[in-house]
Structures are given as structure tokens and as C-alpha cells.
PDB file of N, CA and C in Angstrom:
ATOM      1  N   MET A   1      36.874 -66.162  54.742  1.00  0.00           N
ATOM      2  CA  MET A   1      36.835 -66.585  53.347  1.00  0.00           C
ATOM      3  C   MET A   1      36.814 -65.344  52.464  1.00  0.00           C
ATOM      4  N   GLU A   2      37.481 -65.400  51.366  1.00  0.00           N
ATOM      5  CA  GLU A   2      37.634 -64.270  50.464  1.00  0.00           C
ATOM      6  C   GLU A   2      36.473 -64.214  49.475  1.00  0.00           C
ATOM      7  N   SER A   3      36.034 -63.008  49.113  1.00  0.00           N
ATOM      8  CA  SER A   3      34.962 -62.846  48.136  1.00  0.00           C
ATOM      9  C   SER A   3      35.458 -63.180  46.739  1.00  0.00           C
ATOM     10  N   PHE A   4      34.537 -63.597  45.876  1.00  0.00           N
ATOM     11  CA  PHE A   4      34.870 -63.903  44.491  1.00  0.00           C
ATOM     12  C   PHE A   4      33.724 -63.477  43.594  1.00  0.00           C
ATOM     13  N   ALA A   5      33.962 -63.373  42.297  1.00  0.00           N
ATOM     14  CA  ALA A   5      32.947 -62.943  41.338  1.00  0.00           C
ATOM     15  C   ALA A   5      31.945 -64.070  41.117  1.00  0.00           C
ATOM     16  N   THR A   6      30.668 -63.733  41.147  1.00  0.00           N
ATOM     17  CA  THR A   6      29.619 -64.735  41.000  1.00  0.00           C
ATOM     18  C   THR A   6      28.381 -64.094  40.384  1.00  0.00           C
ATOM     19  N   HIS A   7      27.409 -64.891  40.026  1.00  0.00           N
ATOM     20  CA  HIS A   7      26.135 -64.392  39.525  1.00  0.00           C
ATOM     21  C   HIS A   7      25.362 -63.755  40.677  1.00  0.00           C
ATOM     22  N   PRO A   8      24.446 -62.828  40.385  1.00  0.00           N
ATOM     23  CA  PRO A   8      23.723 -62.133  41.454  1.00  0.00           C
ATOM     24  C   PRO A   8      22.903 -63.052  42.364  1.00  0.00           C
ATOM     25  N   GLU A   9      22.509 -64.209  41.892  1.00  0.00           N
ATOM     26  CA  GLU A   9      21.674 -65.065  42.734  1.00  0.00           C
ATOM     27  C   GLU A   9      22.480 -65.957  43.685  1.00  0.00           C
ATOM     28  N   PHE A  10      23.798 -65.775  43.715  1.00  0.00           N
ATOM     29  CA  PHE A  10      24.673 -66.544  44.602  1.00  0.00           C
ATOM     30  C   PHE A  10      25.411 -65.620  45.564  1.00  0.00           C
ATOM     31  N   CYS A  11      25.669 -66.109  46.757  1.00  0.00           N
ATOM     32  CA  CYS A  11      26.380 -65.337  47.777  1.00  0.00           C
ATOM     33  C   CYS A  11      27.803 -65.039  47.309  1.00  0.00           C
ATOM     34  N   PRO A  12      28.225 -63.765  47.346  1.00  0.00           N
ATOM     35  CA  PRO A  12      29.578 -63.432  46.917  1.00  0.00           C
ATOM     36  C   PRO A  12      30.647 -63.881  47.913  1.00  0.00           C
ATOM     37  N   SER A  13      30.256 -64.255  49.126  1.00  0.00           N
ATOM     38  CA  SER A  13      31.232 -64.690  50.127  1.00  0.00           C
ATOM     39  C   SER A  13      31.509 -66.180  50.065  1.00  0.00           C
ATOM     40  N   CYS A  14      30.443 -66.976  49.946  1.00  0.00           N
ATOM     41  CA  CYS A  14      30.648 -68.427  50.004  1.00  0.00           C
ATOM     42  C   CYS A  14      30.158 -69.171  48.765  1.00  0.00           C
ATOM     43  N   GLY A  15      29.384 -68.514  47.888  1.00  0.00           N
ATOM     44  CA  GLY A  15      28.927 -69.146  46.654  1.00  0.00           C
ATOM     45  C   GLY A  15      27.621 -69.907  46.771  1.00  0.00           C
ATOM     46  N   THR A  16      26.991 -69.913  47.940  1.00  0.00           N
ATOM     47  CA  THR A  16      25.716 -70.599  48.137  1.00  0.00           C
ATOM     48  C   THR A  16      24.602 -69.844  47.433  1.00  0.00           C
ATOM     49  N   ILE A  17      23.630 -70.565  46.892  1.00  0.00           N
ATOM     50  CA  ILE A  17      22.498 -69.899  46.247  1.00  0.00           C
ATOM     51  C   ILE A  17      21.701 -69.132  47.295  1.00  0.00           C
ATOM     52  N   PHE A  18      21.247 -67.942  46.917  1.00  0.00           N
ATOM     53  CA  PHE A  18      20.525 -67.098  47.857  1.00  0.00           C
ATOM     54  C   PHE A  18      19.102 -67.618  48.087  1.00  0.00           C
ATOM     55  N   PRO A  19      18.597 -67.466  49.312  1.00  0.00           N
ATOM     56  CA  PRO A  19      17.180 -67.739  49.567  1.00  0.00           C
ATOM     57  C   PRO A  19      16.339 -66.544  49.123  1.00  0.00           C
ATOM     58  N   HIS A  20      15.044 -66.624  49.337  1.00  0.00           N
ATOM     59  CA  HIS A  20      14.157 -65.506  49.010  1.00  0.00           C
ATOM     60  C   HIS A  20      14.406 -64.348  49.968  1.00  0.00           C
ATOM     61  N   LEU A  21      13.924 -63.175  49.591  1.00  0.00           N
ATOM     62  CA  LEU A  21      14.034 -61.996  50.458  1.00  0.00           C
ATOM     63  C   LEU A  21      13.244 -62.232  51.741  1.00  0.00           C
ATOM     64  N   ASP A  22      13.740 -61.688  52.851  1.00  0.00           N
ATOM     65  CA  ASP A  22      12.989 -61.796  54.099  1.00  0.00           C
ATOM     66  C   ASP A  22      12.042 -60.605  54.220  1.00  0.00           C
ATOM     67  N   LYS A  23      11.395 -60.477  55.356  1.00  0.00           N
ATOM     68  CA  LYS A  23      10.397 -59.419  55.562  1.00  0.00           C
ATOM     69  C   LYS A  23      11.001 -58.021  55.507  1.00  0.00           C
ATOM     70  N   LYS A  24      12.289 -57.898  55.803  1.00  0.00           N
ATOM     71  CA  LYS A  24      12.962 -56.593  55.779  1.00  0.00           C
ATOM     72  C   LYS A  24      13.600 -56.311  54.418  1.00  0.00           C
ATOM     73  N   ASN A  25      13.281 -57.124  53.400  1.00  0.00           N
ATOM     74  CA  ASN A  25      13.871 -57.026  52.063  1.00  0.00           C
ATOM     75  C   ASN A  25      15.382 -57.185  52.098  1.00  0.00           C
ATOM     76  N   ASP A  26      15.845 -58.049  52.977  1.00  0.00           N
ATOM     77  CA  ASP A  26      17.251 -58.416  53.033  1.00  0.00           C
ATOM     78  C   ASP A  26      17.374 -59.889  52.652  1.00  0.00           C
ATOM     79  N   ILE A  27      18.601 -60.276  52.360  1.00  0.00           N
ATOM     80  CA  ILE A  27      18.880 -61.675  52.041  1.00  0.00           C
ATOM     81  C   ILE A  27      19.906 -62.169  53.048  1.00  0.00           C
ATOM     82  N   THR A  28      19.574 -63.231  53.783  1.00  0.00           N
ATOM     83  CA  THR A  28      20.507 -63.841  54.716  1.00  0.00           C
ATOM     84  C   THR A  28      20.965 -65.161  54.121  1.00  0.00           C
ATOM     85  N   CYS A  29      22.255 -65.280  53.864  1.00  0.00           N
ATOM     86  CA  CYS A  29      22.809 -66.488  53.261  1.00  0.00           C
ATOM     87  C   CYS A  29      22.593 -67.674  54.196  1.00  0.00           C
ATOM     88  N   TYR A  30      22.149 -68.793  53.635  1.00  0.00           N
ATOM     89  CA  TYR A  30      21.933 -70.004  54.428  1.00  0.00           C
ATOM     90  C   TYR A  30      23.243 -70.519  55.031  1.00  0.00           C
ATOM     91  N   ASN A  31      24.320 -70.409  54.278  1.00  0.00           N
ATOM     92  CA  ASN A  31      25.582 -71.017  54.679  1.00  0.00           C
ATOM     93  C   ASN A  31      26.404 -70.139  55.613  1.00  0.00           C
ATOM     94  N   CYS A  32      26.777 -68.937  55.155  1.00  0.00           N
ATOM     95  CA  CYS A  32      27.682 -68.102  55.944  1.00  0.00           C
ATOM     96  C   CYS A  32      26.948 -67.117  56.852  1.00  0.00           C
ATOM     97  N   LYS A  33      25.630 -67.038  56.738  1.00  0.00           N
ATOM     98  CA  LYS A  33      24.766 -66.205  57.586  1.00  0.00           C
ATOM     99  C   LYS A  33      24.987 -64.703  57.426  1.00  0.00           C
ATOM    100  N   LYS A  34      25.703 -64.293  56.372  1.00  0.00           N
ATOM    101  CA  LYS A  34      25.879 -62.860  56.124  1.00  0.00           C
ATOM    102  C   LYS A  34      24.578 -62.295  55.565  1.00  0.00           C
ATOM    103  N   VAL A  35      24.296 -61.057  55.894  1.00  0.00           N
ATOM    104  CA  VAL A  35      23.076 -60.385  55.445  1.00  0.00           C
ATOM    105  C   VAL A  35      23.448 -59.394  54.349  1.00  0.00           C
ATOM    106  N   PHE A  36      22.698 -59.450  53.244  1.00  0.00           N
ATOM    107  CA  PHE A  36      22.936 -58.567  52.105  1.00  0.00           C
ATOM    108  C   PHE A  36      21.657 -57.805  51.798  1.00  0.00           C
ATOM    109  N   PRO A  37      21.778 -56.546  51.297  1.00  0.00           N
ATOM    110  CA  PRO A  37      20.576 -55.809  50.889  1.00  0.00           C
ATOM    111  C   PRO A  37      20.038 -56.389  49.578  1.00  0.00           C
ATOM    112  N   ALA A  38      18.765 -56.141  49.306  1.00  0.00           N
ATOM    113  CA  ALA A  38      18.125 -56.667  48.104  1.00  0.00           C
ATOM    114  C   ALA A  38      18.798 -56.157  46.831  1.00  0.00           C
ATOM    115  N   GLU A  39      19.462 -55.028  46.904  1.00  0.00           N
ATOM    116  CA  GLU A  39      20.106 -54.440  45.731  1.00  0.00           C
ATOM    117  C   GLU A  39      21.214 -55.330  45.174  1.00  0.00           C
ATOM    118  N   ILE A  40      21.704 -56.276  45.966  1.00  0.00           N
ATOM    119  CA  ILE A  40      22.765 -57.161  45.489  1.00  0.00           C
ATOM    120  C   ILE A  40      22.276 -58.039  44.334  1.00  0.00           C
ATOM    121  N   LEU A  41      20.962 -58.211  44.238  1.00  0.00           N
ATOM    122  CA  LEU A  41      20.388 -59.010  43.146  1.00  0.00           C
ATOM    123  C   LEU A  41      20.369 -58.255  41.828  1.00  0.00           C
ATOM    124  N   GLY A  42      20.654 -56.975  41.852  1.00  0.00           N
ATOM    125  CA  GLY A  42      20.650 -56.196  40.619  1.00  0.00           C
ATOM    126  C   GLY A  42      19.229 -55.894  40.176  1.00  0.00           C
ATOM    127  N   ASP A  43      19.013 -55.903  38.861  1.00  0.00           N
ATOM    128  CA  ASP A  43      17.692 -55.572  38.331  1.00  0.00           C
ATOM    129  C   ASP A  43      16.882 -56.815  37.980  1.00  0.00           C
ATOM    130  N   GLN A  44      17.117 -57.911  38.671  1.00  0.00           N
ATOM    131  CA  GLN A  44      16.373 -59.145  38.415  1.00  0.00           C
ATOM    132  C   GLN A  44      14.919 -58.974  38.833  1.00  0.00           C
ATOM    133  N   THR A  45      14.047 -59.615  38.089  1.00  0.00           N
ATOM    134  CA  THR A  45      12.635 -59.652  38.456  1.00  0.00           C
ATOM    135  C   THR A  45      12.210 -61.114  38.522  1.00  0.00           C
ATOM    136  N   VAL A  46      11.227 -61.374  39.351  1.00  0.00           N
ATOM    137  CA  VAL A  46      10.706 -62.724  39.513  1.00  0.00           C
ATOM    138  C   VAL A  46       9.229 -62.704  39.172  1.00  0.00           C
ATOM    139  N   GLU A  47       8.814 -63.611  38.317  1.00  0.00           N
ATOM    140  CA  GLU A  47       7.406 -63.742  37.970  1.00  0.00           C
ATOM    141  C   GLU A  47       6.949 -65.128  38.370  1.00  0.00           C
ATOM    142  N   TYR A  48       5.726 -65.227  38.853  1.00  0.00           N
ATOM    143  CA  TYR A  48       5.188 -66.529  39.211  1.00  0.00           C
ATOM    144  C   TYR A  48       3.688 -66.529  39.004  1.00  0.00           C
ATOM    145  N   THR A  49       3.139 -67.711  38.859  1.00  0.00           N
ATOM    146  CA  THR A  49       1.711 -67.897  38.661  1.00  0.00           C
ATOM    147  C   THR A  49       1.193 -68.843  39.727  1.00  0.00           C
ATOM    148  N   LEU A  50       0.094 -68.485  40.351  1.00  0.00           N
ATOM    149  CA  LEU A  50      -0.526 -69.365  41.331  1.00  0.00           C
ATOM    150  C   LEU A  50      -1.619 -70.166  40.651  1.00  0.00           C
ATOM    151  N   HIS A  51      -1.578 -71.476  40.829  1.00  0.00           N
ATOM    152  CA  HIS A  51      -2.602 -72.356  40.292  1.00  0.00           C
ATOM    153  C   HIS A  51      -3.393 -72.915  41.466  1.00  0.00           C
ATOM    154  N   PHE A  52      -4.668 -72.617  41.512  1.00  0.00           N
ATOM    155  CA  PHE A  52      -5.511 -73.094  42.591  1.00  0.00           C
ATOM    156  C   PHE A  52      -6.182 -74.394  42.180  1.00  0.00           C
ATOM    157  N   ASN A  53      -6.272 -75.319  43.104  1.00  0.00           N
ATOM    158  CA  ASN A  53      -6.982 -76.567  42.846  1.00  0.00           C
ATOM    159  C   ASN A  53      -8.473 -76.271  42.858  1.00  0.00           C
ATOM    160  N   TYR A  54      -9.158 -76.813  41.859  1.00  0.00           N
ATOM    161  CA  TYR A  54     -10.587 -76.604  41.753  1.00  0.00           C
ATOM    162  C   TYR A  54     -11.240 -77.959  41.562  1.00  0.00           C
ATOM    163  N   TYR A  55     -12.191 -78.278  42.385  1.00  0.00           N
ATOM    164  CA  TYR A  55     -12.865 -79.566  42.309  1.00  0.00           C
ATOM    165  C   TYR A  55     -14.106 -79.441  41.444  1.00  0.00           C
ATOM    166  N   ASP A  56     -14.086 -80.098  40.312  1.00  0.00           N
ATOM    167  CA  ASP A  56     -15.223 -80.128  39.402  1.00  0.00           C
ATOM    168  C   ASP A  56     -15.538 -81.598  39.130  1.00  0.00           C
ATOM    169  N   PRO A  57     -16.562 -82.158  39.780  1.00  0.00           N
ATOM    170  CA  PRO A  57     -16.856 -83.590  39.627  1.00  0.00           C
ATOM    171  C   PRO A  57     -17.099 -84.008  38.173  1.00  0.00           C
ATOM    172  N   GLU A  58     -17.734 -83.149  37.406  1.00  0.00           N
ATOM    173  CA  GLU A  58     -18.005 -83.477  35.998  1.00  0.00           C
ATOM    174  C   GLU A  58     -16.706 -83.591  35.203  1.00  0.00           C
ATOM    175  N   MET A  59     -15.778 -82.657  35.436  1.00  0.00           N
ATOM    176  CA  MET A  59     -14.503 -82.685  34.738  1.00  0.00           C
ATOM    177  C   MET A  59     -13.714 -83.936  35.142  1.00  0.00           C
ATOM    178  N   LEU A  60     -13.725 -84.275  36.424  1.00  0.00           N
ATOM    179  CA  LEU A  60     -13.008 -85.462  36.881  1.00  0.00           C
ATOM    180  C   LEU A  60     -13.572 -86.733  36.268  1.00  0.00           C
ATOM    181  N   SER A  61     -14.886 -86.833  36.164  1.00  0.00           N
ATOM    182  CA  SER A  61     -15.478 -88.030  35.562  1.00  0.00           C
ATOM    183  C   SER A  61     -15.161 -88.112  34.067  1.00  0.00           C
ATOM    184  N   ARG A  62     -15.109 -86.958  33.376  1.00  0.00           N
ATOM    185  CA  ARG A  62     -14.720 -86.961  31.956  1.00  0.00           C
ATOM    186  C   ARG A  62     -13.279 -87.415  31.797  1.00  0.00           C
ATOM    187  N   LYS A  63     -12.378 -86.902  32.672  1.00  0.00           N
ATOM    188  CA  LYS A  63     -10.975 -87.295  32.607  1.00  0.00           C
ATOM    189  C   LYS A  63     -10.813 -88.784  32.872  1.00  0.00           C
ATOM    190  N   LYS A  64     -11.541 -89.297  33.857  1.00  0.00           N
ATOM    191  CA  LYS A  64     -11.447 -90.714  34.188  1.00  0.00           C
ATOM    192  C   LYS A  64     -11.938 -91.567  33.022  1.00  0.00           C
ATOM    193  N   LYS A  65     -13.040 -91.163  32.413  1.00  0.00           N
ATOM    194  CA  LYS A  65     -13.581 -91.906  31.275  1.00  0.00           C
ATOM    195  C   LYS A  65     -12.614 -91.861  30.096  1.00  0.00           C
ATOM    196  N   GLN A  66     -12.039 -90.682  29.842  1.00  0.00           N
ATOM    197  CA  GLN A  66     -11.087 -90.532  28.750  1.00  0.00           C
ATOM    198  C   GLN A  66      -9.848 -91.373  29.014  1.00  0.00           C
ATOM    199  N   LYS A  67      -9.388 -91.410  30.253  1.00  0.00           N
ATOM    200  CA  LYS A  67      -8.213 -92.200  30.597  1.00  0.00           C
ATOM    201  C   LYS A  67      -8.493 -93.685  30.371  1.00  0.00           C
ATOM    202  N   GLU A  68      -9.681 -94.134  30.772  1.00  0.00           N
ATOM    203  CA  GLU A  68     -10.035 -95.534  30.585  1.00  0.00           C
ATOM    204  C   GLU A  68     -10.074 -95.897  29.105  1.00  0.00           C
ATOM    205  N   GLU A  69     -10.515 -94.956  28.273  1.00  0.00           N
ATOM    206  CA  GLU A  69     -10.616 -95.218  26.845  1.00  0.00           C
ATOM    207  C   GLU A  69      -9.264 -95.144  26.153  1.00  0.00           C
ATOM    208  N   ASP A  70      -8.413 -94.207  26.582  1.00  0.00           N
ATOM    209  CA  ASP A  70      -7.180 -93.934  25.877  1.00  0.00           C
ATOM    210  C   ASP A  70      -5.984 -94.768  26.326  1.00  0.00           C
ATOM    211  N   GLU A  71      -5.803 -94.900  27.614  1.00  0.00           N
ATOM    212  CA  GLU A  71      -4.578 -95.496  28.119  1.00  0.00           C
ATOM    213  C   GLU A  71      -4.785 -96.933  28.592  1.00  0.00           C
ATOM    214  N   PRO A  72      -3.934 -97.834  28.131  1.00  0.00           N
ATOM    215  CA  PRO A  72      -3.985 -99.188  28.685  1.00  0.00           C
ATOM    216  C   PRO A  72      -3.438 -99.176  30.111  1.00  0.00           C
ATOM    217  N   GLU A  73      -3.821-100.182  30.899  1.00  0.00           N
ATOM    218  CA  GLU A  73      -3.418-100.231  32.300  1.00  0.00           C
ATOM    219  C   GLU A  73      -2.047-100.852  32.500  1.00  0.00           C
ATOM    220  N   GLY A  74      -1.362-101.214  31.453  1.00  0.00           N
ATOM    221  CA  GLY A  74      -0.046-101.822  31.555  1.00  0.00           C
ATOM    222  C   GLY A  74       0.429-102.257  30.185  1.00  0.00           C
ATOM    223  N   PRO A  75       1.481-103.083  30.134  1.00  0.00           N
ATOM    224  CA  PRO A  75       1.970-103.582  28.857  1.00  0.00           C
ATOM    225  C   PRO A  75       0.900-104.433  28.170  1.00  0.00           C
ATOM    226  N   ILE A  76       0.859-104.377  26.848  1.00  0.00           N
ATOM    227  CA  ILE A  76      -0.145-105.125  26.080  1.00  0.00           C
ATOM    228  C   ILE A  76       0.477-106.407  25.551  1.00  0.00           C
ATOM    229  N   VAL A  77      -0.261-107.517  25.708  1.00  0.00           N
ATOM    230  CA  VAL A  77       0.185-108.816  25.209  1.00  0.00           C
ATOM    231  C   VAL A  77      -0.918-109.431  24.356  1.00  0.00           C
ATOM    232  N   GLU A  78      -0.526-110.374  23.515  1.00  0.00           N
ATOM    233  CA  GLU A  78      -1.505-111.100  22.709  1.00  0.00           C
ATOM    234  C   GLU A  78      -2.048-112.242  23.551  1.00  0.00           C
ATOM    235  N   ARG A  79      -3.260-112.087  24.022  1.00  0.00           N
ATOM    236  CA  ARG A  79      -3.937-113.097  24.828  1.00  0.00           C
ATOM    237  C   ARG A  79      -5.425-112.909  24.586  1.00  0.00           C
ATOM    238  N   LYS A  80      -6.111-113.995  24.339  1.00  0.00           N
ATOM    239  CA  LYS A  80      -7.533-113.928  24.004  1.00  0.00           C
ATOM    240  C   LYS A  80      -8.371-113.800  25.267  1.00  0.00           C
ATOM    241  N   CYS A  81      -9.258-112.805  25.267  1.00  0.00           N
ATOM    242  CA  CYS A  81     -10.162-112.579  26.387  1.00  0.00           C
ATOM    243  C   CYS A  81     -11.233-113.668  26.381  1.00  0.00           C
ATOM    244  N   SER A  82     -11.441-114.305  27.516  1.00  0.00           N
ATOM    245  CA  SER A  82     -12.436-115.385  27.598  1.00  0.00           C
ATOM    246  C   SER A  82     -13.862-114.846  27.586  1.00  0.00           C
ATOM    247  N   LYS A  83     -14.042-113.569  27.820  1.00  0.00           N
ATOM    248  CA  LYS A  83     -15.382-112.992  27.869  1.00  0.00           C
ATOM    249  C   LYS A  83     -15.850-112.459  26.515  1.00  0.00           C
ATOM    250  N   CYS A  84     -15.013-111.651  25.836  1.00  0.00           N
ATOM    251  CA  CYS A  84     -15.447-111.022  24.585  1.00  0.00           C
ATOM    252  C   CYS A  84     -14.686-111.518  23.361  1.00  0.00           C
ATOM    253  N   GLY A  85     -13.577-112.257  23.559  1.00  0.00           N
ATOM    254  CA  GLY A  85     -12.808-112.779  22.439  1.00  0.00           C
ATOM    255  C   GLY A  85     -11.773-111.827  21.873  1.00  0.00           C
ATOM    256  N   CYS A  86     -11.602-110.664  22.481  1.00  0.00           N
ATOM    257  CA  CYS A  86     -10.591-109.714  22.035  1.00  0.00           C
ATOM    258  C   CYS A  86      -9.221-110.375  22.129  1.00  0.00           C
ATOM    259  N   GLU A  87      -8.333-110.063  21.194  1.00  0.00           N
ATOM    260  CA  GLU A  87      -7.025-110.723  21.119  1.00  0.00           C
ATOM    261  C   GLU A  87      -5.924-110.029  21.935  1.00  0.00           C
ATOM    262  N   THR A  88      -6.202-108.864  22.533  1.00  0.00           N
ATOM    263  CA  THR A  88      -5.161-108.162  23.285  1.00  0.00           C
ATOM    264  C   THR A  88      -5.616-107.900  24.719  1.00  0.00           C
ATOM    265  N   MET A  89      -4.662-108.046  25.634  1.00  0.00           N
ATOM    266  CA  MET A  89      -4.917-107.780  27.043  1.00  0.00           C
ATOM    267  C   MET A  89      -3.691-107.079  27.630  1.00  0.00           C
ATOM    268  N   THR A  90      -3.905-106.319  28.684  1.00  0.00           N
ATOM    269  CA  THR A  90      -2.794-105.745  29.424  1.00  0.00           C
ATOM    270  C   THR A  90      -2.547-106.631  30.634  1.00  0.00           C
ATOM    271  N   TYR A  91      -1.360-106.499  31.225  1.00  0.00           N
ATOM    272  CA  TYR A  91      -1.084-107.322  32.389  1.00  0.00           C
ATOM    273  C   TYR A  91      -0.283-106.579  33.440  1.00  0.00           C
ATOM    274  N   ALA A  92      -0.368-107.086  34.670  1.00  0.00           N
ATOM    275  CA  ALA A  92       0.434-106.611  35.798  1.00  0.00           C
ATOM    276  C   ALA A  92       0.772-107.834  36.630  1.00  0.00           C
ATOM    277  N   THR A  93       1.953-107.842  37.244  1.00  0.00           N
ATOM    278  CA  THR A  93       2.367-108.992  38.040  1.00  0.00           C
ATOM    279  C   THR A  93       2.631-108.582  39.479  1.00  0.00           C
ATOM    280  N   LEU A  94       2.358-109.513  40.384  1.00  0.00           N
ATOM    281  CA  LEU A  94       2.647-109.325  41.806  1.00  0.00           C
ATOM    282  C   LEU A  94       3.135-110.635  42.386  1.00  0.00           C
ATOM    283  N   GLN A  95       3.981-110.550  43.385  1.00  0.00           N
ATOM    284  CA  GLN A  95       4.456-111.740  44.089  1.00  0.00           C
ATOM    285  C   GLN A  95       3.575-111.892  45.326  1.00  0.00           C
ATOM    286  N   LEU A  96       2.469-112.638  45.196  1.00  0.00           N
ATOM    287  CA  LEU A  96       1.524-112.780  46.296  1.00  0.00           C
ATOM    288  C   LEU A  96       1.809-114.019  47.150  1.00  0.00           C
ATOM    289  N   ARG A  97       2.413-115.029  46.550  1.00  0.00           N
ATOM    290  CA  ARG A  97       2.703-116.264  47.282  1.00  0.00           C
ATOM    291  C   ARG A  97       4.152-116.238  47.758  1.00  0.00           C
ATOM    292  N   SER A  98       4.615-117.324  48.302  1.00  0.00           N
ATOM    293  CA  SER A  98       5.978-117.346  48.838  1.00  0.00           C
ATOM    294  C   SER A  98       7.004-117.141  47.725  1.00  0.00           C
ATOM    295  N   ALA A  99       8.209-116.774  48.117  1.00  0.00           N
ATOM    296  CA  ALA A  99       9.248-116.391  47.165  1.00  0.00           C
ATOM    297  C   ALA A  99       9.668-117.533  46.240  1.00  0.00           C
ATOM    298  N   ASP A 100       9.529-118.781  46.666  1.00  0.00           N
ATOM    299  CA  ASP A 100       9.944-119.895  45.810  1.00  0.00           C
ATOM    300  C   ASP A 100       8.857-120.315  44.828  1.00  0.00           C
ATOM    301  N   GLU A 101       7.718-119.624  44.836  1.00  0.00           N
ATOM    302  CA  GLU A 101       6.645-119.902  43.869  1.00  0.00           C
ATOM    303  C   GLU A 101       6.575-118.759  42.859  1.00  0.00           C
ATOM    304  N   GLY A 102       5.873-118.999  41.767  1.00  0.00           N
ATOM    305  CA  GLY A 102       5.789-118.015  40.693  1.00  0.00           C
ATOM    306  C   GLY A 102       4.944-116.806  41.063  1.00  0.00           C
ATOM    307  N   GLN A 103       4.968-115.814  40.169  1.00  0.00           N
ATOM    308  CA  GLN A 103       4.195-114.597  40.367  1.00  0.00           C
ATOM    309  C   GLN A 103       2.738-114.817  40.002  1.00  0.00           C
ATOM    310  N   THR A 104       1.879-113.923  40.489  1.00  0.00           N
ATOM    311  CA  THR A 104       0.480-113.896  40.075  1.00  0.00           C
ATOM    312  C   THR A 104       0.365-112.829  39.001  1.00  0.00           C
ATOM    313  N   VAL A 105      -0.225-113.188  37.850  1.00  0.00           N
ATOM    314  CA  VAL A 105      -0.362-112.271  36.724  1.00  0.00           C
ATOM    315  C   VAL A 105      -1.829-111.873  36.611  1.00  0.00           C
ATOM    316  N   PHE A 106      -2.090-110.573  36.577  1.00  0.00           N
ATOM    317  CA  PHE A 106      -3.438-110.048  36.435  1.00  0.00           C
ATOM    318  C   PHE A 106      -3.584-109.496  35.019  1.00  0.00           C
ATOM    319  N   TYR A 107      -4.501-110.056  34.249  1.00  0.00           N
ATOM    320  CA  TYR A 107      -4.754-109.618  32.872  1.00  0.00           C
ATOM    321  C   TYR A 107      -6.036-108.798  32.831  1.00  0.00           C
ATOM    322  N   THR A 108      -6.050-107.770  31.979  1.00  0.00           N
ATOM    323  CA  THR A 108      -7.237-106.940  31.772  1.00  0.00           C
ATOM    324  C   THR A 108      -7.462-106.799  30.276  1.00  0.00           C
ATOM    325  N   CYS A 109      -8.668-107.103  29.836  1.00  0.00           N
ATOM    326  CA  CYS A 109      -9.010-106.993  28.415  1.00  0.00           C
ATOM    327  C   CYS A 109      -8.996-105.528  28.004  1.00  0.00           C
ATOM    328  N   THR A 110      -8.399-105.237  26.847  1.00  0.00           N
ATOM    329  CA  THR A 110      -8.331-103.854  26.367  1.00  0.00           C
ATOM    330  C   THR A 110      -9.669-103.370  25.825  1.00  0.00           C
ATOM    331  N   LYS A 111     -10.592-104.303  25.552  1.00  0.00           N
ATOM    332  CA  LYS A 111     -11.876-103.930  24.983  1.00  0.00           C
ATOM    333  C   LYS A 111     -12.977-103.848  26.041  1.00  0.00           C
ATOM    334  N   CYS A 112     -13.222-104.952  26.764  1.00  0.00           N
ATOM    335  CA  CYS A 112     -14.337-104.995  27.714  1.00  0.00           C
ATOM    336  C   CYS A 112     -13.907-104.776  29.163  1.00  0.00           C
ATOM    337  N   LYS A 113     -12.613-104.662  29.411  1.00  0.00           N
ATOM    338  CA  LYS A 113     -12.042-104.443  30.748  1.00  0.00           C
ATOM    339  C   LYS A 113     -12.274-105.609  31.712  1.00  0.00           C
ATOM    340  N   SER A 114     -12.559-106.772  31.177  1.00  0.00           N
ATOM    341  CA  SER A 114     -12.708-107.977  31.990  1.00  0.00           C
ATOM    342  C   SER A 114     -11.363-108.338  32.601  1.00  0.00           C
ATOM    343  N   LYS A 115     -11.385-108.875  33.810  1.00  0.00           N
ATOM    344  CA  LYS A 115     -10.145-109.216  34.517  1.00  0.00           C
ATOM    345  C   LYS A 115      -9.991-110.730  34.619  1.00  0.00           C
ATOM    346  N   GLU A 116      -8.740-111.196  34.468  1.00  0.00           N
ATOM    347  CA  GLU A 116      -8.398-112.604  34.626  1.00  0.00           C
ATOM    348  C   GLU A 116      -7.147-112.703  35.477  1.00  0.00           C
ATOM    349  N   VAL A 117      -7.014-113.782  36.246  1.00  0.00           N
ATOM    350  CA  VAL A 117      -5.870-113.990  37.117  1.00  0.00           C
ATOM    351  C   VAL A 117      -5.236-115.322  36.754  1.00  0.00           C
ATOM    352  N   GLU A 118      -3.891-115.319  36.715  1.00  0.00           N
ATOM    353  CA  GLU A 118      -3.160-116.557  36.416  1.00  0.00           C
ATOM    354  C   GLU A 118      -1.974-116.675  37.386  1.00  0.00           C
ATOM    355  N   ASN A 119      -1.876-117.821  38.044  1.00  0.00           N
ATOM    356  CA  ASN A 119      -0.745-118.084  38.919  1.00  0.00           C
ATOM    357  C   ASN A 119       0.292-118.821  38.104  1.00  0.00           C
ATOM    358  N   SER A 120       1.437-118.187  37.884  1.00  0.00           N
ATOM    359  CA  SER A 120       2.474-118.819  37.047  1.00  0.00           C
ATOM    360  C   SER A 120       3.514-119.510  37.888  1.00  0.00           C
TER     361      SER A 120
END
């Protein structure tokens, strides 16, 4: 195959995107298996940031509480809650019974988080 002009991050022989440098600071093309020196990349630099997972139970409980307060659990419909009288509820549907029967609708009050089930 004949070489062609390409960006430094692509193999000049086959056009495949280059993988990362190996331990010898060479680049071996995934496709054509040709080995190129790192200088083929030119003066490119790569920057990256490592983000470590940190477990903070207090932060997680704050996030969970904030999520419960801020985000509804699904689409909102006008339906009166039988427990607190709130006029809006969210809902989710599942097909729990046989296919020729209706879906089961799970409603959740946006105010008191009370749950109701309706077989439609």
C-alpha cells in the first residue's frame, strides 16, 4: 500500500488512528503492524487528569436527599394523592401481567412520596 499525507495521529501507511506509545516509545499500528518512532507525532502533547473515586457517606446522603427533593421520579401527571391531597404525581409503567392484559401503573406523590398502584 502506498503512503499518503495524513494528520500526525494517523498511520501514514494505512490511515488507521495510532494507539498510545509502547514501553519503547514506539508506535505499532493496529492495522498494518508497522512500527514508527514517537517523533512521527511531531510536537503534540497529551494532558490528562486522574479522578479518584472517594467514598464520603455524608456527601452521598446529601446528594440523595437533594435528588429526592429536586428531581421527580418520572413524568408528572395531574392525579390527586389519596394520602396528602397533592394534585400532582409521577408515574412509571410495567407489563407485569400477561401480554393481553393492561399495564401496571405505579404512581408516586410529588409531595409526600406516597406510592399507589393501578392495574389498567
